[in-house]
PDB file of N, CA and C in Angstrom:
ATOM      1  N   MET A   1     127.042 101.780 101.925  1.00  0.00           N
ATOM      2  CA  MET A   1     126.968 102.580 100.710  1.00  0.00           C
ATOM      3  C   MET A   1     125.982 103.712 100.988  1.00  0.00           C
ATOM      4  N   ALA A   2     126.476 104.935 101.028  1.00  0.00           N
ATOM      5  CA  ALA A   2     125.639 106.061 101.422  1.00  0.00           C
ATOM      6  C   ALA A   2     125.196 106.934 100.260  1.00  0.00           C
ATOM      7  N   SER A   3     126.023 107.117  99.274  1.00  0.00           N
ATOM      8  CA  SER A   3     125.668 108.038  98.196  1.00  0.00           C
ATOM      9  C   SER A   3     124.863 107.342  97.107  1.00  0.00           C
ATOM     10  N   VAL A   4     124.019 108.146  96.435  1.00  0.00           N
ATOM     11  CA  VAL A   4     123.189 107.644  95.344  1.00  0.00           C
ATOM     12  C   VAL A   4     123.678 108.296  94.061  1.00  0.00           C
ATOM     13  N   TYR A   5     124.022 107.475  93.086  1.00  0.00           N
ATOM     14  CA  TYR A   5     124.499 107.953  91.797  1.00  0.00           C
ATOM     15  C   TYR A   5     123.300 108.379  90.959  1.00  0.00           C
ATOM     16  N   VAL A   6     123.345 109.574  90.359  1.00  0.00           N
ATOM     17  CA  VAL A   6     122.260 110.065  89.513  1.00  0.00           C
ATOM     18  C   VAL A   6     122.659 109.889  88.056  1.00  0.00           C
ATOM     19  N   ASN A   7     121.810 109.198  87.306  1.00  0.00           N
ATOM     20  CA  ASN A   7     122.070 108.970  85.893  1.00  0.00           C
ATOM     21  C   ASN A   7     120.746 109.006  85.135  1.00  0.00           C
ATOM     22  N   ASN A   8     120.650 109.871  84.143  1.00  0.00           N
ATOM     23  CA  ASN A   8     119.438 109.968  83.335  1.00  0.00           C
ATOM     24  C   ASN A   8     119.541 109.045  82.125  1.00  0.00           C
ATOM     25  N   LEU A   9     118.420 108.456  81.730  1.00  0.00           N
ATOM     26  CA  LEU A   9     118.375 107.479  80.643  1.00  0.00           C
ATOM     27  C   LEU A   9     117.461 107.961  79.526  1.00  0.00           C
ATOM     28  N   VAL A  10     117.725 107.484  78.312  1.00  0.00           N
ATOM     29  CA  VAL A  10     116.850 107.709  77.163  1.00  0.00           C
ATOM     30  C   VAL A  10     116.428 106.340  76.639  1.00  0.00           C
ATOM     31  N   VAL A  11     115.109 106.142  76.533  1.00  0.00           N
ATOM     32  CA  VAL A  11     114.543 104.885  76.034  1.00  0.00           C
ATOM     33  C   VAL A  11     113.766 105.198  74.763  1.00  0.00           C
ATOM     34  N   ASN A  12     114.046 104.473  73.698  1.00  0.00           N
ATOM     35  CA  ASN A  12     113.324 104.637  72.439  1.00  0.00           C
ATOM     36  C   ASN A  12     112.169 103.645  72.392  1.00  0.00           C
ATOM     37  N   SER A  13     110.954 104.169  72.250  1.00  0.00           N
ATOM     38  CA  SER A  13     109.758 103.345  72.213  1.00  0.00           C
ATOM     39  C   SER A  13     109.829 102.323  71.085  1.00  0.00           C
ATOM     40  N   GLY A  14     109.498 101.084  71.389  1.00  0.00           N
ATOM     41  CA  GLY A  14     109.495 100.017  70.398  1.00  0.00           C
ATOM     42  C   GLY A  14     110.846  99.367  70.176  1.00  0.00           C
ATOM     43  N   SER A  15     111.856  99.790  70.914  1.00  0.00           N
ATOM     44  CA  SER A  15     113.202  99.214  70.789  1.00  0.00           C
ATOM     45  C   SER A  15     113.587  98.503  72.083  1.00  0.00           C
ATOM     46  N   ASP A  16     114.439  97.509  71.958  1.00  0.00           N
ATOM     47  CA  ASP A  16     115.006  96.888  73.151  1.00  0.00           C
ATOM     48  C   ASP A  16     115.926  97.903  73.822  1.00  0.00           C
ATOM     49  N   PHE A  17     115.982  97.854  75.152  1.00  0.00           N
ATOM     50  CA  PHE A  17     116.805  98.788  75.916  1.00  0.00           C
ATOM     51  C   PHE A  17     117.689  98.016  76.875  1.00  0.00           C
ATOM     52  N   SER A  18     118.939  98.447  76.984  1.00  0.00           N
ATOM     53  CA  SER A  18     119.863  97.861  77.944  1.00  0.00           C
ATOM     54  C   SER A  18     120.832  98.940  78.417  1.00  0.00           C
ATOM     55  N   GLN A  19     121.107  98.920  79.709  1.00  0.00           N
ATOM     56  CA  GLN A  19     122.070  99.863  80.286  1.00  0.00           C
ATOM     57  C   GLN A  19     122.822  99.161  81.405  1.00  0.00           C
ATOM     58  N   SER A  20     124.128  99.314  81.413  1.00  0.00           N
ATOM     59  CA  SER A  20     124.911  98.712  82.488  1.00  0.00           C
ATOM     60  C   SER A  20     125.571  99.800  83.329  1.00  0.00           C
ATOM     61  N   PHE A  21     125.772  99.483  84.595  1.00  0.00           N
ATOM     62  CA  PHE A  21     126.408 100.373  85.556  1.00  0.00           C
ATOM     63  C   PHE A  21     127.441  99.569  86.329  1.00  0.00           C
ATOM     64  N   THR A  22     128.534 100.202  86.690  1.00  0.00           N
ATOM     65  CA  THR A  22     129.511  99.571  87.565  1.00  0.00           C
ATOM     66  C   THR A  22     129.562 100.372  88.854  1.00  0.00           C
ATOM     67  N   LEU A  23     129.209  99.723  89.954  1.00  0.00           N
ATOM     68  CA  LEU A  23     129.224 100.384  91.257  1.00  0.00           C
ATOM     69  C   LEU A  23     130.629 100.342  91.836  1.00  0.00           C
ATOM     70  N   GLU A  24     131.040 101.452  92.431  1.00  0.00           N
ATOM     71  CA  GLU A  24     132.348 101.525  93.055  1.00  0.00           C
ATOM     72  C   GLU A  24     132.215 101.675  94.560  1.00  0.00           C
ATOM     73  N   ASN A  25     133.126 101.065  95.280  1.00  0.00           N
ATOM     74  CA  ASN A  25     133.202 101.201  96.720  1.00  0.00           C
ATOM     75  C   ASN A  25     133.902 102.528  97.010  1.00  0.00           C
ATOM     76  N   PRO A  26     133.214 103.488  97.657  1.00  0.00           N
ATOM     77  CA  PRO A  26     133.819 104.804  97.882  1.00  0.00           C
ATOM     78  C   PRO A  26     135.030 104.769  98.816  1.00  0.00           C
ATOM     79  N   ASP A  27     135.142 103.732  99.636  1.00  0.00           N
ATOM     80  CA  ASP A  27     136.269 103.633 100.566  1.00  0.00           C
ATOM     81  C   ASP A  27     137.554 103.185  99.883  1.00  0.00           C
ATOM     82  N   SER A  28     137.426 102.361  98.842  1.00  0.00           N
ATOM     83  CA  SER A  28     138.623 101.797  98.214  1.00  0.00           C
ATOM     84  C   SER A  28     138.789 102.175  96.742  1.00  0.00           C
ATOM     85  N   ASN A  29     137.819 102.885  96.164  1.00  0.00           N
ATOM     86  CA  ASN A  29     137.842 103.224  94.738  1.00  0.00           C
ATOM     87  C   ASN A  29     137.979 101.992  93.848  1.00  0.00           C
ATOM     88  N   SER A  30     137.456 100.874  94.316  1.00  0.00           N
ATOM     89  CA  SER A  30     137.437  99.648  93.522  1.00  0.00           C
ATOM     90  C   SER A  30     135.986  99.239  93.326  1.00  0.00           C
ATOM     91  N   ALA A  31     135.770  98.236  92.502  1.00  0.00           N
ATOM     92  CA  ALA A  31     134.405  97.771  92.244  1.00  0.00           C
ATOM     93  C   ALA A  31     133.752  97.301  93.542  1.00  0.00           C
ATOM     94  N   TYR A  32     132.467  97.577  93.678  1.00  0.00           N
ATOM     95  CA  TYR A  32     131.693  97.175  94.847  1.00  0.00           C
ATOM     96  C   TYR A  32     131.337  95.699  94.699  1.00  0.00           C
ATOM     97  N   ASP A  33     131.702  94.893  95.662  1.00  0.00           N
ATOM     98  CA  ASP A  33     131.437  93.456  95.609  1.00  0.00           C
ATOM     99  C   ASP A  33     129.950  93.203  95.853  1.00  0.00           C
ATOM    100  N   LEU A  34     129.251  92.717  94.822  1.00  0.00           N
ATOM    101  CA  LEU A  34     127.807  92.467  94.909  1.00  0.00           C
ATOM    102  C   LEU A  34     127.459  90.996  95.168  1.00  0.00           C
ATOM    103  N   THR A  35     128.435  90.244  95.662  1.00  0.00           N
ATOM    104  CA  THR A  35     128.186  88.850  96.018  1.00  0.00           C
ATOM    105  C   THR A  35     127.100  88.798  97.098  1.00  0.00           C
ATOM    106  N   ASP A  36     126.132  87.918  96.924  1.00  0.00           N
ATOM    107  CA  ASP A  36     125.000  87.732  97.830  1.00  0.00           C
ATOM    108  C   ASP A  36     124.012  88.900  97.829  1.00  0.00           C
ATOM    109  N   TYR A  37     124.050  89.756  96.813  1.00  0.00           N
ATOM    110  CA  TYR A  37     123.091  90.841  96.664  1.00  0.00           C
ATOM    111  C   TYR A  37     122.075  90.489  95.577  1.00  0.00           C
ATOM    112  N   THR A  38     120.901  91.085  95.675  1.00  0.00           N
ATOM    113  CA  THR A  38     119.930  91.065  94.586  1.00  0.00           C
ATOM    114  C   THR A  38     119.694  92.511  94.178  1.00  0.00           C
ATOM    115  N   VAL A  39     119.097  92.699  93.005  1.00  0.00           N
ATOM    116  CA  VAL A  39     118.866  94.052  92.503  1.00  0.00           C
ATOM    117  C   VAL A  39     117.457  94.153  91.932  1.00  0.00           C
ATOM    118  N   ALA A  40     116.840  95.311  92.100  1.00  0.00           N
ATOM    119  CA  ALA A  40     115.506  95.571  91.546  1.00  0.00           C
ATOM    120  C   ALA A  40     115.476  97.007  91.046  1.00  0.00           C
ATOM    121  N   SER A  41     114.670  97.239  90.002  1.00  0.00           N
ATOM    122  CA  SER A  41     114.570  98.583  89.442  1.00  0.00           C
ATOM    123  C   SER A  41     113.225  98.757  88.750  1.00  0.00           C
ATOM    124  N   GLN A  42     112.637  99.936  88.922  1.00  0.00           N
ATOM    125  CA  GLN A  42     111.360 100.267  88.281  1.00  0.00           C
ATOM    126  C   GLN A  42     111.401 101.691  87.773  1.00  0.00           C
ATOM    127  N   LEU A  43     110.534 101.942  86.771  1.00  0.00           N
ATOM    128  CA  LEU A  43     110.302 103.318  86.354  1.00  0.00           C
ATOM    129  C   LEU A  43     108.834 103.620  86.517  1.00  0.00           C
ATOM    130  N   ARG A  44     108.545 104.875  86.854  1.00  0.00           N
ATOM    131  CA  ARG A  44     107.177 105.348  87.079  1.00  0.00           C
ATOM    132  C   ARG A  44     107.073 106.764  86.534  1.00  0.00           C
ATOM    133  N   LYS A  45     105.862 107.198  86.244  1.00  0.00           N
ATOM    134  CA  LYS A  45     105.643 108.557  85.756  1.00  0.00           C
ATOM    135  C   LYS A  45     106.069 109.570  86.822  1.00  0.00           C
ATOM    136  N   TRP A  46     105.791 109.285  88.072  1.00  0.00           N
ATOM    137  CA  TRP A  46     106.274 110.075  89.201  1.00  0.00           C
ATOM    138  C   TRP A  46     106.456 109.103  90.353  1.00  0.00           C
ATOM    139  N   ALA A  47     107.222 109.501  91.358  1.00  0.00           N
ATOM    140  CA  ALA A  47     107.607 108.575  92.426  1.00  0.00           C
ATOM    141  C   ALA A  47     106.419 107.921  93.118  1.00  0.00           C
ATOM    142  N   GLY A  48     105.314 108.640  93.318  1.00  0.00           N
ATOM    143  CA  GLY A  48     104.170 108.090  94.026  1.00  0.00           C
ATOM    144  C   GLY A  48     103.163 107.364  93.164  1.00  0.00           C
ATOM    145  N   SER A  49     103.431 107.237  91.872  1.00  0.00           N
ATOM    146  CA  SER A  49     102.493 106.581  90.970  1.00  0.00           C
ATOM    147  C   SER A  49     102.305 105.111  91.343  1.00  0.00           C
ATOM    148  N   THR A  50     101.084 104.614  91.218  1.00  0.00           N
ATOM    149  CA  THR A  50     100.817 103.198  91.506  1.00  0.00           C
ATOM    150  C   THR A  50     101.114 102.307  90.304  1.00  0.00           C
ATOM    151  N   THR A  51     101.334 102.915  89.141  1.00  0.00           N
ATOM    152  CA  THR A  51     101.663 102.164  87.931  1.00  0.00           C
ATOM    153  C   THR A  51     103.167 102.187  87.712  1.00  0.00           C
ATOM    154  N   ALA A  52     103.768 101.012  87.580  1.00  0.00           N
ATOM    155  CA  ALA A  52     105.215 100.917  87.403  1.00  0.00           C
ATOM    156  C   ALA A  52     105.550  99.918  86.311  1.00  0.00           C
ATOM    157  N   THR A  53     106.685 100.128  85.677  1.00  0.00           N
ATOM    158  CA  THR A  53     107.257  99.158  84.751  1.00  0.00           C
ATOM    159  C   THR A  53     108.567  98.696  85.362  1.00  0.00           C
ATOM    160  N   SER A  54     108.711  97.395  85.542  1.00  0.00           N
ATOM    161  CA  SER A  54     109.932  96.847  86.139  1.00  0.00           C
ATOM    162  C   SER A  54     110.970  96.563  85.063  1.00  0.00           C
ATOM    163  N   PHE A  55     112.173  97.026  85.305  1.00  0.00           N
ATOM    164  CA  PHE A  55     113.300  96.650  84.466  1.00  0.00           C
ATOM    165  C   PHE A  55     113.670  95.207  84.778  1.00  0.00           C
ATOM    166  N   THR A  56     114.205  94.507  83.800  1.00  0.00           N
ATOM    167  CA  THR A  56     114.904  93.271  84.089  1.00  0.00           C
ATOM    168  C   THR A  56     116.226  93.731  84.679  1.00  0.00           C
ATOM    169  N   ALA A  57     116.468  93.440  85.931  1.00  0.00           N
ATOM    170  CA  ALA A  57     117.663  93.922  86.620  1.00  0.00           C
ATOM    171  C   ALA A  57     118.466  92.718  87.101  1.00  0.00           C
ATOM    172  N   SER A  58     119.758  92.729  86.786  1.00  0.00           N
ATOM    173  CA  SER A  58     120.596  91.599  87.178  1.00  0.00           C
ATOM    174  C   SER A  58     121.996  92.069  87.543  1.00  0.00           C
ATOM    175  N   ILE A  59     122.665  91.228  88.290  1.00  0.00           N
ATOM    176  CA  ILE A  59     124.067  91.453  88.629  1.00  0.00           C
ATOM    177  C   ILE A  59     124.865  90.538  87.717  1.00  0.00           C
ATOM    178  N   GLU A  60     125.754  91.137  86.960  1.00  0.00           N
ATOM    179  CA  GLU A  60     126.533  90.378  85.985  1.00  0.00           C
ATOM    180  C   GLU A  60     127.694  89.672  86.686  1.00  0.00           C
ATOM    181  N   ALA A  61     127.932  88.423  86.297  1.00  0.00           N
ATOM    182  CA  ALA A  61     129.032  87.645  86.879  1.00  0.00           C
ATOM    183  C   ALA A  61     130.363  88.100  86.278  1.00  0.00           C
ATOM    184  N   PRO A  62     131.402  88.112  87.070  1.00  0.00           N
ATOM    185  CA  PRO A  62     131.450  87.806  88.500  1.00  0.00           C
ATOM    186  C   PRO A  62     130.964  88.995  89.324  1.00  0.00           C
ATOM    187  N   ALA A  63     130.231  88.710  90.382  1.00  0.00           N
ATOM    188  CA  ALA A  63     129.612  89.745  91.209  1.00  0.00           C
ATOM    189  C   ALA A  63     130.635  90.677  91.862  1.00  0.00           C
ATOM    190  N   ILE A  64     131.868  90.229  92.010  1.00  0.00           N
ATOM    191  CA  ILE A  64     132.888  91.074  92.651  1.00  0.00           C
ATOM    192  C   ILE A  64     133.263  92.277  91.781  1.00  0.00           C
ATOM    193  N   GLU A  65     132.836  92.277  90.510  1.00  0.00           N
ATOM    194  CA  GLU A  65     133.139  93.402  89.622  1.00  0.00           C
ATOM    195  C   GLU A  65     132.096  94.515  89.702  1.00  0.00           C
ATOM    196  N   GLY A  66     131.017  94.324  90.484  1.00  0.00           N
ATOM    197  CA  GLY A  66     130.061  95.384  90.772  1.00  0.00           C
ATOM    198  C   GLY A  66     129.201  95.847  89.617  1.00  0.00           C
ATOM    199  N   LYS A  67     128.983  94.994  88.607  1.00  0.00           N
ATOM    200  CA  LYS A  67     128.230  95.428  87.437  1.00  0.00           C
ATOM    201  C   LYS A  67     126.761  95.034  87.522  1.00  0.00           C
ATOM    202  N   ILE A  68     125.886  96.044  87.307  1.00  0.00           N
ATOM    203  CA  ILE A  68     124.436  95.859  87.273  1.00  0.00           C
ATOM    204  C   ILE A  68     123.958  96.150  85.858  1.00  0.00           C
ATOM    205  N   VAL A  69     123.048  95.315  85.353  1.00  0.00           N
ATOM    206  CA  VAL A  69     122.498  95.508  84.012  1.00  0.00           C
ATOM    207  C   VAL A  69     120.981  95.644  84.116  1.00  0.00           C
ATOM    208  N   LEU A  70     120.445  96.705  83.490  1.00  0.00           N
ATOM    209  CA  LEU A  70     118.997  96.919  83.409  1.00  0.00           C
ATOM    210  C   LEU A  70     118.555  96.698  81.976  1.00  0.00           C
ATOM    211  N   GLY A  71     117.355  96.158  81.802  1.00  0.00           N
ATOM    212  CA  GLY A  71     116.850  95.941  80.450  1.00  0.00           C
ATOM    213  C   GLY A  71     115.344  96.052  80.364  1.00  0.00           C
ATOM    214  N   LEU A  72     114.878  96.426  79.178  1.00  0.00           N
ATOM    215  CA  LEU A  72     113.458  96.426  78.829  1.00  0.00           C
ATOM    216  C   LEU A  72     113.339  95.808  77.440  1.00  0.00           C
ATOM    217  N   THR A  73     112.292  95.033  77.227  1.00  0.00           N
ATOM    218  CA  THR A  73     112.053  94.459  75.907  1.00  0.00           C
ATOM    219  C   THR A  73     111.375  95.503  75.011  1.00  0.00           C
ATOM    220  N   SER A  74     111.384  95.253  73.715  1.00  0.00           N
ATOM    221  CA  SER A  74     110.709  96.168  72.787  1.00  0.00           C
ATOM    222  C   SER A  74     109.211  96.233  73.080  1.00  0.00           C
ATOM    223  N   THR A  75     108.625  95.145  73.547  1.00  0.00           N
ATOM    224  CA  THR A  75     107.202  95.141  73.916  1.00  0.00           C
ATOM    225  C   THR A  75     106.957  96.066  75.107  1.00  0.00           C
ATOM    226  N   GLN A  76     107.850  96.029  76.094  1.00  0.00           N
ATOM    227  CA  GLN A  76     107.712  96.911  77.254  1.00  0.00           C
ATOM    228  C   GLN A  76     107.869  98.382  76.868  1.00  0.00           C
ATOM    229  N   THR A  77     108.862  98.693  76.043  1.00  0.00           N
ATOM    230  CA  THR A  77     109.081 100.100  75.679  1.00  0.00           C
ATOM    231  C   THR A  77     107.956 100.621  74.798  1.00  0.00           C
ATOM    232  N   LEU A  78     107.381  99.758  73.974  1.00  0.00           N
ATOM    233  CA  LEU A  78     106.263 100.164  73.119  1.00  0.00           C
ATOM    234  C   LEU A  78     105.031 100.522  73.956  1.00  0.00           C
ATOM    235  N   ALA A  79     104.885  99.875  75.112  1.00  0.00           N
ATOM    236  CA  ALA A  79     103.737 100.128  75.980  1.00  0.00           C
ATOM    237  C   ALA A  79     103.875 101.435  76.776  1.00  0.00           C
ATOM    238  N   LEU A  80     105.075 102.012  76.801  1.00  0.00           N
ATOM    239  CA  LEU A  80     105.290 103.259  77.540  1.00  0.00           C
ATOM    240  C   LEU A  80     104.870 104.457  76.693  1.00  0.00           C
ATOM    241  N   LYS A  81     104.149 105.379  77.304  1.00  0.00           N
ATOM    242  CA  LYS A  81     103.786 106.604  76.612  1.00  0.00           C
ATOM    243  C   LYS A  81     105.008 107.519  76.585  1.00  0.00           C
ATOM    244  N   PRO A  82     105.231 108.208  75.477  1.00  0.00           N
ATOM    245  CA  PRO A  82     106.375 109.124  75.419  1.00  0.00           C
ATOM    246  C   PRO A  82     106.287 110.171  76.532  1.00  0.00           C
ATOM    247  N   GLY A  83     107.450 110.564  77.037  1.00  0.00           N
ATOM    248  CA  GLY A  83     107.505 111.569  78.086  1.00  0.00           C
ATOM    249  C   GLY A  83     108.578 111.263  79.104  1.00  0.00           C
ATOM    250  N   ARG A  84     108.498 111.969  80.212  1.00  0.00           N
ATOM    251  CA  ARG A  84     109.491 111.822  81.282  1.00  0.00           C
ATOM    252  C   ARG A  84     108.968 110.924  82.394  1.00  0.00           C
ATOM    253  N   TYR A  85     109.876 110.125  82.915  1.00  0.00           N
ATOM    254  CA  TYR A  85     109.607 109.206  84.017  1.00  0.00           C
ATOM    255  C   TYR A  85     110.743 109.332  85.032  1.00  0.00           C
ATOM    256  N   VAL A  86     110.591 108.706  86.180  1.00  0.00           N
ATOM    257  CA  VAL A  86     111.663 108.585  87.165  1.00  0.00           C
ATOM    258  C   VAL A  86     111.936 107.100  87.387  1.00  0.00           C
ATOM    259  N   TYR A  87     113.161 106.798  87.807  1.00  0.00           N
ATOM    260  CA  TYR A  87     113.514 105.405  88.093  1.00  0.00           C
ATOM    261  C   TYR A  87     114.535 105.381  89.216  1.00  0.00           C
ATOM    262  N   ASP A  88     114.686 104.214  89.810  1.00  0.00           N
ATOM    263  CA  ASP A  88     115.791 104.001  90.734  1.00  0.00           C
ATOM    264  C   ASP A  88     116.192 102.533  90.696  1.00  0.00           C
ATOM    265  N   VAL A  89     117.352 102.283  91.285  1.00  0.00           N
ATOM    266  CA  VAL A  89     117.902 100.931  91.381  1.00  0.00           C
ATOM    267  C   VAL A  89     118.198 100.676  92.850  1.00  0.00           C
ATOM    268  N   VAL A  90     117.656  99.576  93.375  1.00  0.00           N
ATOM    269  CA  VAL A  90     117.832  99.223  94.786  1.00  0.00           C
ATOM    270  C   VAL A  90     118.523  97.866  94.859  1.00  0.00           C
ATOM    271  N   ILE A  91     119.593  97.811  95.673  1.00  0.00           N
ATOM    272  CA  ILE A  91     120.247  96.522  95.920  1.00  0.00           C
ATOM    273  C   ILE A  91     119.883  96.062  97.321  1.00  0.00           C
ATOM    274  N   THR A  92     119.774  94.741  97.495  1.00  0.00           N
ATOM    275  CA  THR A  92     119.431  94.147  98.783  1.00  0.00           C
ATOM    276  C   THR A  92     120.500  93.129  99.139  1.00  0.00           C
ATOM    277  N   ASP A  93     121.086  93.268 100.334  1.00  0.00           N
ATOM    278  CA  ASP A  93     122.122  92.316 100.731  1.00  0.00           C
ATOM    279  C   ASP A  93     121.490  91.039 101.290  1.00  0.00           C
ATOM    280  N   GLY A  94     122.319  90.062 101.600  1.00  0.00           N
ATOM    281  CA  GLY A  94     121.847  88.766 102.085  1.00  0.00           C
ATOM    282  C   GLY A  94     121.039  88.854 103.367  1.00  0.00           C
ATOM    283  N   GLY A  95     121.214  89.926 104.139  1.00  0.00           N
ATOM    284  CA  GLY A  95     120.477  90.111 105.385  1.00  0.00           C
ATOM    285  C   GLY A  95     119.180  90.873 105.212  1.00  0.00           C
ATOM    286  N   GLY A  96     118.853  91.251 103.961  1.00  0.00           N
ATOM    287  CA  GLY A  96     117.604  91.949 103.682  1.00  0.00           C
ATOM    288  C   GLY A  96     117.686  93.472 103.749  1.00  0.00           C
ATOM    289  N   ILE A  97     118.886  94.009 103.937  1.00  0.00           N
ATOM    290  CA  ILE A  97     119.045  95.464 104.010  1.00  0.00           C
ATOM    291  C   ILE A  97     119.102  96.035 102.599  1.00  0.00           C
ATOM    292  N   LYS A  98     118.230  97.033 102.351  1.00  0.00           N
ATOM    293  CA  LYS A  98     118.107  97.634 101.020  1.00  0.00           C
ATOM    294  C   LYS A  98     118.810  98.980 100.975  1.00  0.00           C
ATOM    295  N   ASN A  99     119.426  99.250  99.838  1.00  0.00           N
ATOM    296  CA  ASN A  99     120.071 100.533  99.584  1.00  0.00           C
ATOM    297  C   ASN A  99     119.760 100.984  98.173  1.00  0.00           C
ATOM    298  N   LYS A 100     119.302 102.236  98.055  1.00  0.00           N
ATOM    299  CA  LYS A 100     119.136 102.818  96.724  1.00  0.00           C
ATOM    300  C   LYS A 100     120.523 103.263  96.266  1.00  0.00           C
ATOM    301  N   VAL A 101     120.946 102.807  95.078  1.00  0.00           N
ATOM    302  CA  VAL A 101     122.293 103.113  94.604  1.00  0.00           C
ATOM    303  C   VAL A 101     122.297 103.999  93.358  1.00  0.00           C
ATOM    304  N   ILE A 102     121.207 103.992  92.591  1.00  0.00           N
ATOM    305  CA  ILE A 102     121.122 104.791  91.370  1.00  0.00           C
ATOM    306  C   ILE A 102     119.707 105.345  91.269  1.00  0.00           C
ATOM    307  N   GLU A 103     119.586 106.571  90.775  1.00  0.00           N
ATOM    308  CA  GLU A 103     118.280 107.152  90.506  1.00  0.00           C
ATOM    309  C   GLU A 103     118.432 108.154  89.383  1.00  0.00           C
ATOM    310  N   GLY A 104     117.306 108.520  88.789  1.00  0.00           N
ATOM    311  CA  GLY A 104     117.353 109.527  87.741  1.00  0.00           C
ATOM    312  C   GLY A 104     116.044 109.615  86.989  1.00  0.00           C
ATOM    313  N   MET A 105     116.115 110.333  85.881  1.00  0.00           N
ATOM    314  CA  MET A 105     114.960 110.514  85.003  1.00  0.00           C
ATOM    315  C   MET A 105     115.131 109.607  83.789  1.00  0.00           C
ATOM    316  N   VAL A 106     114.005 109.241  83.204  1.00  0.00           N
ATOM    317  CA  VAL A 106     113.992 108.473  81.960  1.00  0.00           C
ATOM    318  C   VAL A 106     113.174 109.268  80.957  1.00  0.00           C
ATOM    319  N   LEU A 107     113.762 109.527  79.809  1.00  0.00           N
ATOM    320  CA  LEU A 107     113.037 110.156  78.713  1.00  0.00           C
ATOM    321  C   LEU A 107     112.654 109.063  77.731  1.00  0.00           C
ATOM    322  N   VAL A 108     111.359 108.845  77.561  1.00  0.00           N
ATOM    323  CA  VAL A 108     110.876 107.869  76.584  1.00  0.00           C
ATOM    324  C   VAL A 108     110.540 108.634  75.314  1.00  0.00           C
ATOM    325  N   ARG A 109     111.247 108.285  74.234  1.00  0.00           N
ATOM    326  CA  ARG A 109     111.029 108.958  72.944  1.00  0.00           C
ATOM    327  C   ARG A 109     110.210 108.055  72.034  1.00  0.00           C
ATOM    328  N   GLU A 110     109.226 108.672  71.380  1.00  0.00           N
ATOM    329  CA  GLU A 110     108.363 107.930  70.475  1.00  0.00           C
ATOM    330  C   GLU A 110     109.137 107.563  69.204  1.00  0.00           C
ATOM    331  N   GLY A 111     108.949 106.326  68.759  1.00  0.00           N
ATOM    332  CA  GLY A 111     109.603 105.885  67.536  1.00  0.00           C
ATOM    333  C   GLY A 111     108.781 106.244  66.306  1.00  0.00           C
ATOM    334  N   VAL A 112     109.446 106.260  65.160  1.00  0.00           N
ATOM    335  CA  VAL A 112     108.779 106.575  63.895  1.00  0.00           C
ATOM    336  C   VAL A 112     108.537 105.293  63.116  1.00  0.00           C
ATOM    337  N   THR A 113     109.569 104.462  63.019  1.00  0.00           N
ATOM    338  CA  THR A 113     109.465 103.211  62.267  1.00  0.00           C
ATOM    339  C   THR A 113     108.732 102.174  63.101  1.00  0.00           C
ATOM    340  N   GLN A 114     107.682 101.578  62.538  1.00  0.00           N
ATOM    341  CA  GLN A 114     106.881 100.593  63.261  1.00  0.00           C
ATOM    342  C   GLN A 114     107.282  99.194  62.907  1.00  0.00           C
TER     343      GLN A 114
END
């Protein structure tokens, strides 16, 4: 998997957040089989920041359908200061080889209702 999909996200502070992605195999135009893969994802104010918030990242069953789900709890989003962040999603195969598959910006919007 060579290309990285760019997708920007909007997160509302104080709300639960969930986003799903379906990865496609560029050779066959079918879902990317994520069997025996793990997934990780973080957001940071900038790429080199030492402070990160980890998404709950999972591969939805069945793994052959290539679906990844990211999530943040309302407590996590409330702790984020409004503004722009960057994030990426990295998958790791059974042999330990990592590939960045998704990246983009995250806009955290401040909520009004407490």
